[in-house]
Amino acid sequence: MAWYRNHYHCGDCGTDWEDEWSCCCDDECPECGSGDWSPTKSDNLTFQIEEDGEAVIIRMSSRNAEHTPNYAEVAIALSVSSAEAYVNMRAATYWD
């Protein structure tokens, strides 16, 4: 599954909050309980890039993720730019 950090704003009480989930779904305000607020913005966290010494580790959220991303290592790159190119290529074909 893809993994997202969704950003919300409650129009009833003005509360802003974030929640991570496997989709860009509506959420309930944690402050006042008002519901069905759509994300104002979503960050795609499906892939993670982490520098580890001389290597760059690329992790991807599991296709079975629902409540947690369950990241697994999918590749190792020699540079952050190579890792980003790999992620862009994989993201373009993620749902194939």
PDB file of N, CA and C in Angstrom:
ATOM      1  N   MET A   1       0.837  -1.188   0.000  1.00  0.00           N
ATOM      2  CA  MET A   1       0.000   0.000   0.000  1.00  0.00           C
ATOM      3  C   MET A   1       0.876   1.244   0.000  1.00  0.00           C
ATOM      4  N   ALA A   2       0.348   2.254  -0.573  1.00  0.00           N
ATOM      5  CA  ALA A   2       0.982   3.561  -0.425  1.00  0.00           C
ATOM      6  C   ALA A   2       0.830   3.975   1.036  1.00  0.00           C
ATOM      7  N   TRP A   3       1.637   4.913   1.471  1.00  0.00           N
ATOM      8  CA  TRP A   3       1.558   5.399   2.845  1.00  0.00           C
ATOM      9  C   TRP A   3       1.618   6.912   2.826  1.00  0.00           C
ATOM     10  N   TYR A   4       0.701   7.556   3.541  1.00  0.00           N
ATOM     11  CA  TYR A   4       0.584   9.011   3.505  1.00  0.00           C
ATOM     12  C   TYR A   4       0.561   9.624   4.897  1.00  0.00           C
ATOM     13  N   ARG A   5       1.105  10.834   4.994  1.00  0.00           N
ATOM     14  CA  ARG A   5       0.877  11.686   6.161  1.00  0.00           C
ATOM     15  C   ARG A   5      -0.119  12.745   5.683  1.00  0.00           C
ATOM     16  N   ASN A   6      -1.331  12.671   6.220  1.00  0.00           N
ATOM     17  CA  ASN A   6      -2.398  13.593   5.842  1.00  0.00           C
ATOM     18  C   ASN A   6      -2.456  14.759   6.832  1.00  0.00           C
ATOM     19  N   HIS A   7      -2.653  15.948   6.307  1.00  0.00           N
ATOM     20  CA  HIS A   7      -2.770  17.162   7.111  1.00  0.00           C
ATOM     21  C   HIS A   7      -4.222  17.636   7.042  1.00  0.00           C
ATOM     22  N   TYR A   8      -4.784  17.948   8.199  1.00  0.00           N
ATOM     23  CA  TYR A   8      -6.198  18.317   8.281  1.00  0.00           C
ATOM     24  C   TYR A   8      -6.375  19.656   8.980  1.00  0.00           C
ATOM     25  N   HIS A   9      -7.516  20.276   8.712  1.00  0.00           N
ATOM     26  CA  HIS A   9      -7.933  21.485   9.429  1.00  0.00           C
ATOM     27  C   HIS A   9      -9.428  21.368   9.685  1.00  0.00           C
ATOM     28  N   CYS A  10      -9.813  21.523  10.949  1.00  0.00           N
ATOM     29  CA  CYS A  10     -11.231  21.469  11.320  1.00  0.00           C
ATOM     30  C   CYS A  10     -11.839  22.857  11.144  1.00  0.00           C
ATOM     31  N   GLY A  11     -12.827  22.944  10.297  1.00  0.00           N
ATOM     32  CA  GLY A  11     -13.519  24.210  10.067  1.00  0.00           C
ATOM     33  C   GLY A  11     -14.430  24.601  11.213  1.00  0.00           C
ATOM     34  N   ASP A  12     -14.729  23.666  12.119  1.00  0.00           N
ATOM     35  CA  ASP A  12     -15.615  23.967  13.244  1.00  0.00           C
ATOM     36  C   ASP A  12     -14.868  24.599  14.412  1.00  0.00           C
ATOM     37  N   CYS A  13     -13.706  24.042  14.784  1.00  0.00           N
ATOM     38  CA  CYS A  13     -12.993  24.554  15.965  1.00  0.00           C
ATOM     39  C   CYS A  13     -11.614  25.117  15.646  1.00  0.00           C
ATOM     40  N   GLY A  14     -11.146  24.951  14.402  1.00  0.00           N
ATOM     41  CA  GLY A  14      -9.867  25.515  13.999  1.00  0.00           C
ATOM     42  C   GLY A  14      -8.652  24.657  14.284  1.00  0.00           C
ATOM     43  N   THR A  15      -8.839  23.449  14.771  1.00  0.00           N
ATOM     44  CA  THR A  15      -7.719  22.566  15.092  1.00  0.00           C
ATOM     45  C   THR A  15      -7.051  22.056  13.818  1.00  0.00           C
ATOM     46  N   ASP A  16      -5.719  22.037  13.826  1.00  0.00           N
ATOM     47  CA  ASP A  16      -4.937  21.417  12.763  1.00  0.00           C
ATOM     48  C   ASP A  16      -4.325  20.142  13.325  1.00  0.00           C
ATOM     49  N   TRP A  17      -4.299  19.067  12.541  1.00  0.00           N
ATOM     50  CA  TRP A  17      -3.677  17.822  12.981  1.00  0.00           C
ATOM     51  C   TRP A  17      -3.175  17.037  11.788  1.00  0.00           C
ATOM     52  N   GLU A  18      -2.351  16.040  12.081  1.00  0.00           N
ATOM     53  CA  GLU A  18      -1.811  15.130  11.075  1.00  0.00           C
ATOM     54  C   GLU A  18      -2.161  13.707  11.467  1.00  0.00           C
ATOM     55  N   ASP A  19      -2.263  12.857  10.458  1.00  0.00           N
ATOM     56  CA  ASP A  19      -2.494  11.441  10.698  1.00  0.00           C
ATOM     57  C   ASP A  19      -1.862  10.679   9.550  1.00  0.00           C
ATOM     58  N   GLU A  20      -1.264   9.539   9.839  1.00  0.00           N
ATOM     59  CA  GLU A  20      -0.681   8.702   8.792  1.00  0.00           C
ATOM     60  C   GLU A  20      -1.595   7.521   8.535  1.00  0.00           C
ATOM     61  N   TRP A  21      -1.759   7.217   7.245  1.00  0.00           N
ATOM     62  CA  TRP A  21      -2.656   6.137   6.862  1.00  0.00           C
ATOM     63  C   TRP A  21      -2.301   5.668   5.464  1.00  0.00           C
ATOM     64  N   SER A  22      -2.882   4.568   5.042  1.00  0.00           N
ATOM     65  CA  SER A  22      -2.588   3.985   3.737  1.00  0.00           C
ATOM     66  C   SER A  22      -3.387   4.614   2.596  1.00  0.00           C
ATOM     67  N   CYS A  23      -4.133   5.659   2.895  1.00  0.00           N
ATOM     68  CA  CYS A  23      -4.876   6.378   1.865  1.00  0.00           C
ATOM     69  C   CYS A  23      -5.081   7.821   2.320  1.00  0.00           C
ATOM     70  N   CYS A  24      -5.584   8.633   1.429  1.00  0.00           N
ATOM     71  CA  CYS A  24      -5.867  10.035   1.754  1.00  0.00           C
ATOM     72  C   CYS A  24      -7.340  10.148   2.142  1.00  0.00           C
ATOM     73  N   CYS A  25      -7.677   9.607   3.304  1.00  0.00           N
ATOM     74  CA  CYS A  25      -9.069   9.488   3.719  1.00  0.00           C
ATOM     75  C   CYS A  25      -9.506  10.649   4.612  1.00  0.00           C
ATOM     76  N   ASP A  26     -10.810  10.814   4.716  1.00  0.00           N
ATOM     77  CA  ASP A  26     -11.371  11.807   5.627  1.00  0.00           C
ATOM     78  C   ASP A  26     -11.128  11.364   7.063  1.00  0.00           C
ATOM     79  N   ASP A  27     -11.120  12.336   7.983  1.00  0.00           N
ATOM     80  CA  ASP A  27     -10.823  12.036   9.382  1.00  0.00           C
ATOM     81  C   ASP A  27     -11.726  12.857  10.292  1.00  0.00           C
ATOM     82  N   GLU A  28     -11.738  12.472  11.541  1.00  0.00           N
ATOM     83  CA  GLU A  28     -12.515  13.153  12.578  1.00  0.00           C
ATOM     84  C   GLU A  28     -11.583  14.032  13.398  1.00  0.00           C
ATOM     85  N   CYS A  29     -12.029  15.229  13.744  1.00  0.00           N
ATOM     86  CA  CYS A  29     -11.223  16.155  14.524  1.00  0.00           C
ATOM     87  C   CYS A  29     -10.946  15.565  15.910  1.00  0.00           C
ATOM     88  N   PRO A  30      -9.672  15.507  16.322  1.00  0.00           N
ATOM     89  CA  PRO A  30      -9.346  14.946  17.632  1.00  0.00           C
ATOM     90  C   PRO A  30      -9.742  15.872  18.787  1.00  0.00           C
ATOM     91  N   GLU A  31     -10.024  17.127  18.486  1.00  0.00           N
ATOM     92  CA  GLU A  31     -10.365  18.097  19.531  1.00  0.00           C
ATOM     93  C   GLU A  31     -11.865  18.146  19.799  1.00  0.00           C
ATOM     94  N   CYS A  32     -12.669  18.325  18.741  1.00  0.00           N
ATOM     95  CA  CYS A  32     -14.114  18.518  18.952  1.00  0.00           C
ATOM     96  C   CYS A  32     -14.970  17.360  18.454  1.00  0.00           C
ATOM     97  N   GLY A  33     -14.361  16.390  17.732  1.00  0.00           N
ATOM     98  CA  GLY A  33     -15.105  15.225  17.262  1.00  0.00           C
ATOM     99  C   GLY A  33     -15.854  15.443  15.960  1.00  0.00           C
ATOM    100  N   SER A  34     -15.802  16.634  15.406  1.00  0.00           N
ATOM    101  CA  SER A  34     -16.457  16.908  14.136  1.00  0.00           C
ATOM    102  C   SER A  34     -15.833  16.015  13.072  1.00  0.00           C
ATOM    103  N   GLY A  35     -16.645  15.468  12.182  1.00  0.00           N
ATOM    104  CA  GLY A  35     -16.138  14.461  11.265  1.00  0.00           C
ATOM    105  C   GLY A  35     -16.146  14.817   9.805  1.00  0.00           C
ATOM    106  N   ASP A  36     -15.600  13.889   9.027  1.00  0.00           N
ATOM    107  CA  ASP A  36     -15.556  13.935   7.572  1.00  0.00           C
ATOM    108  C   ASP A  36     -14.735  15.086   7.014  1.00  0.00           C
ATOM    109  N   TRP A  37     -13.595  15.390   7.678  1.00  0.00           N
ATOM    110  CA  TRP A  37     -12.690  16.419   7.167  1.00  0.00           C
ATOM    111  C   TRP A  37     -11.709  15.785   6.203  1.00  0.00           C
ATOM    112  N   SER A  38     -11.648  16.312   4.990  1.00  0.00           N
ATOM    113  CA  SER A  38     -10.711  15.828   3.977  1.00  0.00           C
ATOM    114  C   SER A  38      -9.335  16.433   4.226  1.00  0.00           C
ATOM    115  N   PRO A  39      -8.280  15.730   3.831  1.00  0.00           N
ATOM    116  CA  PRO A  39      -6.935  16.285   3.999  1.00  0.00           C
ATOM    117  C   PRO A  39      -6.788  17.584   3.212  1.00  0.00           C
ATOM    118  N   THR A  40      -6.107  18.547   3.816  1.00  0.00           N
ATOM    119  CA  THR A  40      -5.781  19.781   3.109  1.00  0.00           C
ATOM    120  C   THR A  40      -4.515  19.586   2.290  1.00  0.00           C
ATOM    121  N   LYS A  41      -3.713  18.603   2.690  1.00  0.00           N
ATOM    122  CA  LYS A  41      -2.465  18.269   2.011  1.00  0.00           C
ATOM    123  C   LYS A  41      -2.091  16.853   2.434  1.00  0.00           C
ATOM    124  N   SER A  42      -1.421  16.123   1.557  1.00  0.00           N
ATOM    125  CA  SER A  42      -0.951  14.773   1.891  1.00  0.00           C
ATOM    126  C   SER A  42       0.479  14.611   1.412  1.00  0.00           C
ATOM    127  N   ASP A  43       1.330  14.077   2.287  1.00  0.00           N
ATOM    128  CA  ASP A  43       2.723  13.778   1.947  1.00  0.00           C
ATOM    129  C   ASP A  43       2.821  12.289   1.654  1.00  0.00           C
ATOM    130  N   ASN A  44       3.354  11.947   0.499  1.00  0.00           N
ATOM    131  CA  ASN A  44       3.510  10.550   0.145  1.00  0.00           C
ATOM    132  C   ASN A  44       4.746   9.995   0.844  1.00  0.00           C
ATOM    133  N   LEU A  45       4.544   9.052   1.756  1.00  0.00           N
ATOM    134  CA  LEU A  45       5.621   8.432   2.530  1.00  0.00           C
ATOM    135  C   LEU A  45       5.837   6.975   2.132  1.00  0.00           C
ATOM    136  N   THR A  46       5.373   6.588   0.959  1.00  0.00           N
ATOM    137  CA  THR A  46       5.468   5.203   0.520  1.00  0.00           C
ATOM    138  C   THR A  46       6.915   4.724   0.510  1.00  0.00           C
ATOM    139  N   PHE A  47       7.831   5.607   0.101  1.00  0.00           N
ATOM    140  CA  PHE A  47       9.248   5.275   0.051  1.00  0.00           C
ATOM    141  C   PHE A  47      10.013   6.114   1.060  1.00  0.00           C
ATOM    142  N   GLN A  48      11.037   5.521   1.657  1.00  0.00           N
ATOM    143  CA  GLN A  48      11.945   6.221   2.556  1.00  0.00           C
ATOM    144  C   GLN A  48      13.364   6.056   2.029  1.00  0.00           C
ATOM    145  N   ILE A  49      14.126   7.140   2.087  1.00  0.00           N
ATOM    146  CA  ILE A  49      15.531   7.110   1.700  1.00  0.00           C
ATOM    147  C   ILE A  49      16.336   7.472   2.937  1.00  0.00           C
ATOM    148  N   GLU A  50      17.305   6.627   3.281  1.00  0.00           N
ATOM    149  CA  GLU A  50      18.100   6.844   4.491  1.00  0.00           C
ATOM    150  C   GLU A  50      19.575   6.628   4.186  1.00  0.00           C
ATOM    151  N   GLU A  51      20.382   7.630   4.481  1.00  0.00           N
ATOM    152  CA  GLU A  51      21.828   7.490   4.312  1.00  0.00           C
ATOM    153  C   GLU A  51      22.375   6.645   5.457  1.00  0.00           C
ATOM    154  N   ASP A  52      23.192   5.668   5.103  1.00  0.00           N
ATOM    155  CA  ASP A  52      23.774   4.756   6.086  1.00  0.00           C
ATOM    156  C   ASP A  52      25.249   4.559   5.744  1.00  0.00           C
ATOM    157  N   GLY A  53      26.098   5.438   6.275  1.00  0.00           N
ATOM    158  CA  GLY A  53      27.513   5.377   5.927  1.00  0.00           C
ATOM    159  C   GLY A  53      27.704   5.764   4.480  1.00  0.00           C
ATOM    160  N   GLU A  54      28.304   4.861   3.715  1.00  0.00           N
ATOM    161  CA  GLU A  54      28.545   5.136   2.295  1.00  0.00           C
ATOM    162  C   GLU A  54      27.397   4.697   1.395  1.00  0.00           C
ATOM    163  N   ALA A  55      26.464   3.966   1.924  1.00  0.00           N
ATOM    164  CA  ALA A  55      25.324   3.492   1.137  1.00  0.00           C
ATOM    165  C   ALA A  55      24.077   4.305   1.458  1.00  0.00           C
ATOM    166  N   VAL A  56      23.112   4.215   0.571  1.00  0.00           N
ATOM    167  CA  VAL A  56      21.819   4.858   0.766  1.00  0.00           C
ATOM    168  C   VAL A  56      20.766   3.754   0.690  1.00  0.00           C
ATOM    169  N   ILE A  57      20.032   3.568   1.770  1.00  0.00           N
ATOM    170  CA  ILE A  57      19.029   2.499   1.870  1.00  0.00           C
ATOM    171  C   ILE A  57      17.684   3.037   1.399  1.00  0.00           C
ATOM    172  N   ILE A  58      17.007   2.262   0.576  1.00  0.00           N
ATOM    173  CA  ILE A  58      15.669   2.617   0.098  1.00  0.00           C
ATOM    174  C   ILE A  58      14.692   1.601   0.663  1.00  0.00           C
ATOM    175  N   ARG A  59      13.681   2.097   1.354  1.00  0.00           N
ATOM    176  CA  ARG A  59      12.640   1.241   1.929  1.00  0.00           C
ATOM    177  C   ARG A  59      11.299   1.623   1.320  1.00  0.00           C
ATOM    178  N   MET A  60      10.414   0.633   1.244  1.00  0.00           N
ATOM    179  CA  MET A  60       9.086   0.854   0.672  1.00  0.00           C
ATOM    180  C   MET A  60       8.035   0.256   1.600  1.00  0.00           C
ATOM    181  N   SER A  61       6.929   0.954   1.722  1.00  0.00           N
ATOM    182  CA  SER A  61       5.812   0.451   2.507  1.00  0.00           C
ATOM    183  C   SER A  61       5.285  -0.835   1.887  1.00  0.00           C
ATOM    184  N   SER A  62       4.930  -1.769   2.723  1.00  0.00           N
ATOM    185  CA  SER A  62       4.412  -3.058   2.264  1.00  0.00           C
ATOM    186  C   SER A  62       3.091  -2.886   1.523  1.00  0.00           C
ATOM    187  N   ARG A  63       2.870  -3.694   0.506  1.00  0.00           N
ATOM    188  CA  ARG A  63       1.584  -3.656  -0.212  1.00  0.00           C
ATOM    189  C   ARG A  63       0.426  -4.099   0.690  1.00  0.00           C
ATOM    190  N   ASN A  64       0.742  -4.740   1.820  1.00  0.00           N
ATOM    191  CA  ASN A  64      -0.285  -5.191   2.763  1.00  0.00           C
ATOM    192  C   ASN A  64      -0.525  -4.185   3.884  1.00  0.00           C
ATOM    193  N   ALA A  65       0.173  -3.053   3.863  1.00  0.00           N
ATOM    194  CA  ALA A  65       0.065  -2.074   4.953  1.00  0.00           C
ATOM    195  C   ALA A  65      -1.350  -1.528   5.047  1.00  0.00           C
ATOM    196  N   GLU A  66      -1.857  -1.463   6.251  1.00  0.00           N
ATOM    197  CA  GLU A  66      -3.149  -0.825   6.501  1.00  0.00           C
ATOM    198  C   GLU A  66      -3.053   0.097   7.699  1.00  0.00           C
ATOM    199  N   HIS A  67      -2.583  -0.421   8.827  1.00  0.00           N
ATOM    200  CA  HIS A  67      -2.506   0.379  10.053  1.00  0.00           C
ATOM    201  C   HIS A  67      -1.096   0.869  10.340  1.00  0.00           C
ATOM    202  N   THR A  68      -0.088   0.227   9.757  1.00  0.00           N
ATOM    203  CA  THR A  68       1.308   0.649   9.861  1.00  0.00           C
ATOM    204  C   THR A  68       1.957   0.452   8.493  1.00  0.00           C
ATOM    205  N   PRO A  69       3.005   1.221   8.183  1.00  0.00           N
ATOM    206  CA  PRO A  69       3.590   1.109   6.847  1.00  0.00           C
ATOM    207  C   PRO A  69       4.364  -0.177   6.590  1.00  0.00           C
ATOM    208  N   ASN A  70       4.869  -0.848   7.631  1.00  0.00           N
ATOM    209  CA  ASN A  70       5.634  -2.090   7.465  1.00  0.00           C
ATOM    210  C   ASN A  70       6.721  -1.955   6.401  1.00  0.00           C
ATOM    211  N   TYR A  71       7.589  -0.943   6.553  1.00  0.00           N
ATOM    212  CA  TYR A  71       8.642  -0.697   5.573  1.00  0.00           C
ATOM    213  C   TYR A  71       9.588  -1.887   5.457  1.00  0.00           C
ATOM    214  N   ALA A  72       9.994  -2.164   4.221  1.00  0.00           N
ATOM    215  CA  ALA A  72      10.978  -3.211   3.944  1.00  0.00           C
ATOM    216  C   ALA A  72      12.028  -2.642   3.000  1.00  0.00           C
ATOM    217  N   GLU A  73      13.267  -3.050   3.202  1.00  0.00           N
ATOM    218  CA  GLU A  73      14.355  -2.604   2.336  1.00  0.00           C
ATOM    219  C   GLU A  73      14.141  -3.188   0.942  1.00  0.00           C
ATOM    220  N   VAL A  74      14.208  -2.325  -0.081  1.00  0.00           N
ATOM    221  CA  VAL A  74      14.003  -2.792  -1.456  1.00  0.00           C
ATOM    222  C   VAL A  74      15.219  -2.559  -2.342  1.00  0.00           C
ATOM    223  N   ALA A  75      16.124  -1.660  -1.926  1.00  0.00           N
ATOM    224  CA  ALA A  75      17.304  -1.391  -2.754  1.00  0.00           C
ATOM    225  C   ALA A  75      18.348  -0.643  -1.942  1.00  0.00           C
ATOM    226  N   ILE A  76      19.574  -0.671  -2.460  1.00  0.00           N
ATOM    227  CA  ILE A  76      20.674   0.103  -1.902  1.00  0.00           C
ATOM    228  C   ILE A  76      21.280   0.892  -3.052  1.00  0.00           C
ATOM    229  N   ALA A  77      21.511   2.181  -2.821  1.00  0.00           N
ATOM    230  CA  ALA A  77      22.101   3.044  -3.844  1.00  0.00           C
ATOM    231  C   ALA A  77      23.412   3.610  -3.325  1.00  0.00           C
ATOM    232  N   LEU A  78      24.198   4.169  -4.233  1.00  0.00           N
ATOM    233  CA  LEU A  78      25.479   4.750  -3.849  1.00  0.00           C
ATOM    234  C   LEU A  78      25.382   6.241  -3.556  1.00  0.00           C
ATOM    235  N   SER A  79      24.251   6.866  -3.949  1.00  0.00           N
ATOM    236  CA  SER A  79      24.069   8.297  -3.703  1.00  0.00           C
ATOM    237  C   SER A  79      22.587   8.590  -3.500  1.00  0.00           C
ATOM    238  N   VAL A  80      22.318   9.711  -2.872  1.00  0.00           N
ATOM    239  CA  VAL A  80      20.926  10.120  -2.665  1.00  0.00           C
ATOM    240  C   VAL A  80      20.255  10.380  -4.007  1.00  0.00           C
ATOM    241  N   SER A  81      20.973  10.978  -4.952  1.00  0.00           N
ATOM    242  CA  SER A  81      20.366  11.254  -6.259  1.00  0.00           C
ATOM    243  C   SER A  81      20.010   9.959  -6.988  1.00  0.00           C
ATOM    244  N   SER A  82      20.842   8.928  -6.859  1.00  0.00           N
ATOM    245  CA  SER A  82      20.516   7.626  -7.458  1.00  0.00           C
ATOM    246  C   SER A  82      19.306   7.010  -6.771  1.00  0.00           C
ATOM    247  N   ALA A  83      19.239   7.158  -5.452  1.00  0.00           N
ATOM    248  CA  ALA A  83      18.092   6.637  -4.704  1.00  0.00           C
ATOM    249  C   ALA A  83      16.806   7.351  -5.115  1.00  0.00           C
ATOM    250  N   GLU A  84      16.879   8.666  -5.269  1.00  0.00           N
ATOM    251  CA  GLU A  84      15.697   9.428  -5.697  1.00  0.00           C
ATOM    252  C   GLU A  84      15.244   9.019  -7.095  1.00  0.00           C
ATOM    253  N   ALA A  85      16.192   8.778  -7.997  1.00  0.00           N
ATOM    254  CA  ALA A  85      15.843   8.320  -9.346  1.00  0.00           C
ATOM    255  C   ALA A  85      15.153   6.966  -9.285  1.00  0.00           C
ATOM    256  N   TYR A  86      15.669   6.070  -8.444  1.00  0.00           N
ATOM    257  CA  TYR A  86      15.046   4.754  -8.262  1.00  0.00           C
ATOM    258  C   TYR A  86      13.616   4.894  -7.734  1.00  0.00           C
ATOM    259  N   VAL A  87      13.442   5.733  -6.717  1.00  0.00           N
ATOM    260  CA  VAL A  87      12.114   5.937  -6.130  1.00  0.00           C
ATOM    261  C   VAL A  87      11.166   6.511  -7.171  1.00  0.00           C
ATOM    262  N   ASN A  88      11.605   7.471  -7.955  1.00  0.00           N
ATOM    263  CA  ASN A  88      10.739   8.058  -8.988  1.00  0.00           C
ATOM    264  C   ASN A  88      10.321   7.014 -10.012  1.00  0.00           C
ATOM    265  N   MET A  89      11.252   6.137 -10.389  1.00  0.00           N
ATOM    266  CA  MET A  89      10.931   5.072 -11.331  1.00  0.00           C
ATOM    267  C   MET A  89       9.945   4.080 -10.719  1.00  0.00           C
ATOM    268  N   ARG A  90      10.195   3.670  -9.480  1.00  0.00           N
ATOM    269  CA  ARG A  90       9.295   2.721  -8.809  1.00  0.00           C
ATOM    270  C   ARG A  90       7.930   3.328  -8.547  1.00  0.00           C
ATOM    271  N   ALA A  91       7.896   4.597  -8.158  1.00  0.00           N
ATOM    272  CA  ALA A  91       6.619   5.251  -7.870  1.00  0.00           C
ATOM    273  C   ALA A  91       5.746   5.326  -9.121  1.00  0.00           C
ATOM    274  N   ALA A  92       6.367   5.512 -10.269  1.00  0.00           N
ATOM    275  CA  ALA A  92       5.617   5.603 -11.515  1.00  0.00           C
ATOM    276  C   ALA A  92       4.961   4.273 -11.883  1.00  0.00           C
ATOM    277  N   THR A  93       5.518   3.161 -11.397  1.00  0.00           N
ATOM    278  CA  THR A  93       4.978   1.835 -11.723  1.00  0.00           C
ATOM    279  C   THR A  93       4.461   1.092 -10.494  1.00  0.00           C
ATOM    280  N   TYR A  94       4.301   1.800  -9.386  1.00  0.00           N
ATOM    281  CA  TYR A  94       3.956   1.163  -8.108  1.00  0.00           C
ATOM    282  C   TYR A  94       2.682   0.330  -8.188  1.00  0.00           C
ATOM    283  N   TRP A  95       1.693   0.787  -8.901  1.00  0.00           N
ATOM    284  CA  TRP A  95       0.396   0.100  -8.923  1.00  0.00           C
ATOM    285  C   TRP A  95       0.276  -0.895 -10.056  1.00  0.00           C
ATOM    286  N   ASP A  96       1.329  -1.049 -10.877  1.00  0.00           N
ATOM    287  CA  ASP A  96       1.281  -2.019 -11.990  1.00  0.00           C
ATOM    288  C   ASP A  96       1.369  -3.435 -11.476  1.00  0.00           C
TER     289      ASP A  96
END
